[in-house]
Protein backbone atom coordinates (compact mmCIF):
# COMPACT_ATOMS: atom_id res chain seq x y z
CA UNK A 1 -33.34 -39.07 38.72
CA UNK A 2 -34.45 -42.11 40.80
CA UNK A 3 -35.71 -45.22 39.23
CA UNK A 4 -38.62 -47.41 40.35
CA UNK A 5 -37.80 -50.63 42.13
CA UNK A 6 -39.87 -52.68 39.75
CA UNK A 7 -41.07 -55.38 42.11
CA UNK A 8 -44.53 -55.43 40.45
CA UNK A 9 -43.33 -54.75 36.93
CA UNK A 10 -43.65 -57.22 34.12
CA UNK A 11 -41.15 -57.50 31.21
CA UNK A 12 -40.76 -59.44 28.04
CA UNK A 13 -37.87 -61.80 27.56
CA UNK A 14 -35.84 -60.83 24.49
CA UNK A 15 -35.42 -64.42 23.34
CA UNK A 16 -38.64 -66.27 24.00
CA UNK A 17 -41.05 -63.28 24.31
CA UNK A 18 -42.72 -64.61 27.54
CA UNK A 19 -43.85 -62.24 30.20
CA UNK A 20 -41.69 -62.62 33.31
CA UNK A 21 -41.14 -60.49 36.40
CA UNK A 22 -38.82 -57.56 35.62
CA UNK A 23 -36.45 -58.39 38.45
CA UNK A 24 -35.92 -61.98 37.25
CA UNK A 25 -34.39 -60.80 33.88
CA UNK A 26 -30.73 -61.32 33.43
CA UNK A 27 -28.52 -59.37 30.95
CA UNK A 28 -26.42 -61.48 28.58
CA UNK A 29 -23.08 -60.59 27.14
CA UNK A 30 -24.64 -59.18 23.94
CA UNK A 31 -27.06 -56.87 25.80
CA UNK A 32 -30.20 -58.96 25.62
CA UNK A 33 -32.28 -59.20 28.79
CA UNK A 34 -33.64 -62.71 29.05
CA UNK A 35 -35.42 -64.91 31.55
CA UNK A 36 -33.48 -67.42 33.64
CA UNK A 37 -34.58 -70.32 31.34
CA UNK A 38 -33.18 -68.58 28.21
CA UNK A 39 -29.96 -67.29 29.77
CA UNK A 40 -26.75 -68.64 28.21
CA UNK A 41 -23.35 -67.50 29.45
CA UNK A 42 -20.81 -66.35 26.83
CA UNK A 43 -18.99 -69.19 25.15
CA UNK A 44 -15.15 -69.18 25.79
CA UNK A 45 -14.50 -69.65 22.10
CA UNK A 46 -15.96 -66.24 21.30
CA UNK A 47 -12.81 -64.73 22.90
CA UNK A 48 -9.91 -66.70 21.45
CA UNK A 49 -6.48 -66.36 22.99
CA UNK A 50 -3.99 -64.13 21.23
CA UNK A 51 -1.65 -65.78 18.78
CA UNK A 52 2.12 -65.25 18.97
CA UNK A 53 4.14 -64.96 15.82
CA UNK A 54 6.19 -67.88 14.55
CA UNK A 55 9.64 -68.11 16.12
CA UNK A 56 12.33 -67.40 13.56
CA UNK A 57 15.54 -67.43 15.60
CA UNK A 58 17.12 -69.68 18.15
CA UNK A 59 17.61 -68.42 21.70
CA UNK A 60 21.31 -69.39 22.13
CA UNK A 61 22.44 -69.62 18.60
CA UNK A 62 26.17 -69.81 17.68
CA UNK A 63 27.89 -69.05 14.42
CA UNK A 64 28.96 -71.99 12.26
CA UNK A 65 32.59 -73.06 13.12
CA UNK A 66 35.26 -71.90 10.65
CA UNK A 67 37.39 -74.98 11.05
CA UNK A 68 37.11 -78.58 12.20
CA UNK A 69 36.13 -79.00 15.81
CA UNK A 70 39.06 -81.42 16.19
CA UNK A 71 42.06 -79.63 17.61
CA UNK A 72 45.39 -79.82 15.82
CA UNK A 73 46.88 -81.99 18.58
CA UNK A 74 44.00 -84.49 18.31
CA UNK A 75 44.41 -84.58 14.54
CA UNK A 76 48.12 -85.22 14.84
CA UNK A 77 47.59 -88.00 17.39
CA UNK A 78 44.90 -89.62 15.20
CA UNK A 79 47.23 -89.41 12.18
CA UNK A 80 50.07 -91.00 14.24
CA UNK A 81 47.63 -93.80 15.19
CA UNK A 82 46.69 -94.39 11.61
CA UNK A 83 50.40 -94.46 10.52
CA UNK A 84 51.24 -96.97 13.24
CA UNK A 85 48.54 -99.37 12.07
CA UNK A 86 50.04 -99.62 8.60
């Protein structure tokens, strides 16, 4: 079914209620057809970014060491150093 062009049609603005030419109406994000003076674009805060969950693990985690990080040779050398100072 073909529609009329509407170049002579008059419409009502959904926000202010004034009569305006039909072709000058703009459709807002919520479906309202409003005149150019009443038109407001959708505010970015109405579509917030998705939230990610809290991180619970480390990316390159290592298990706790079972023993001292000092090697036995280093411990012996340090002990010899302490003995020599006495």
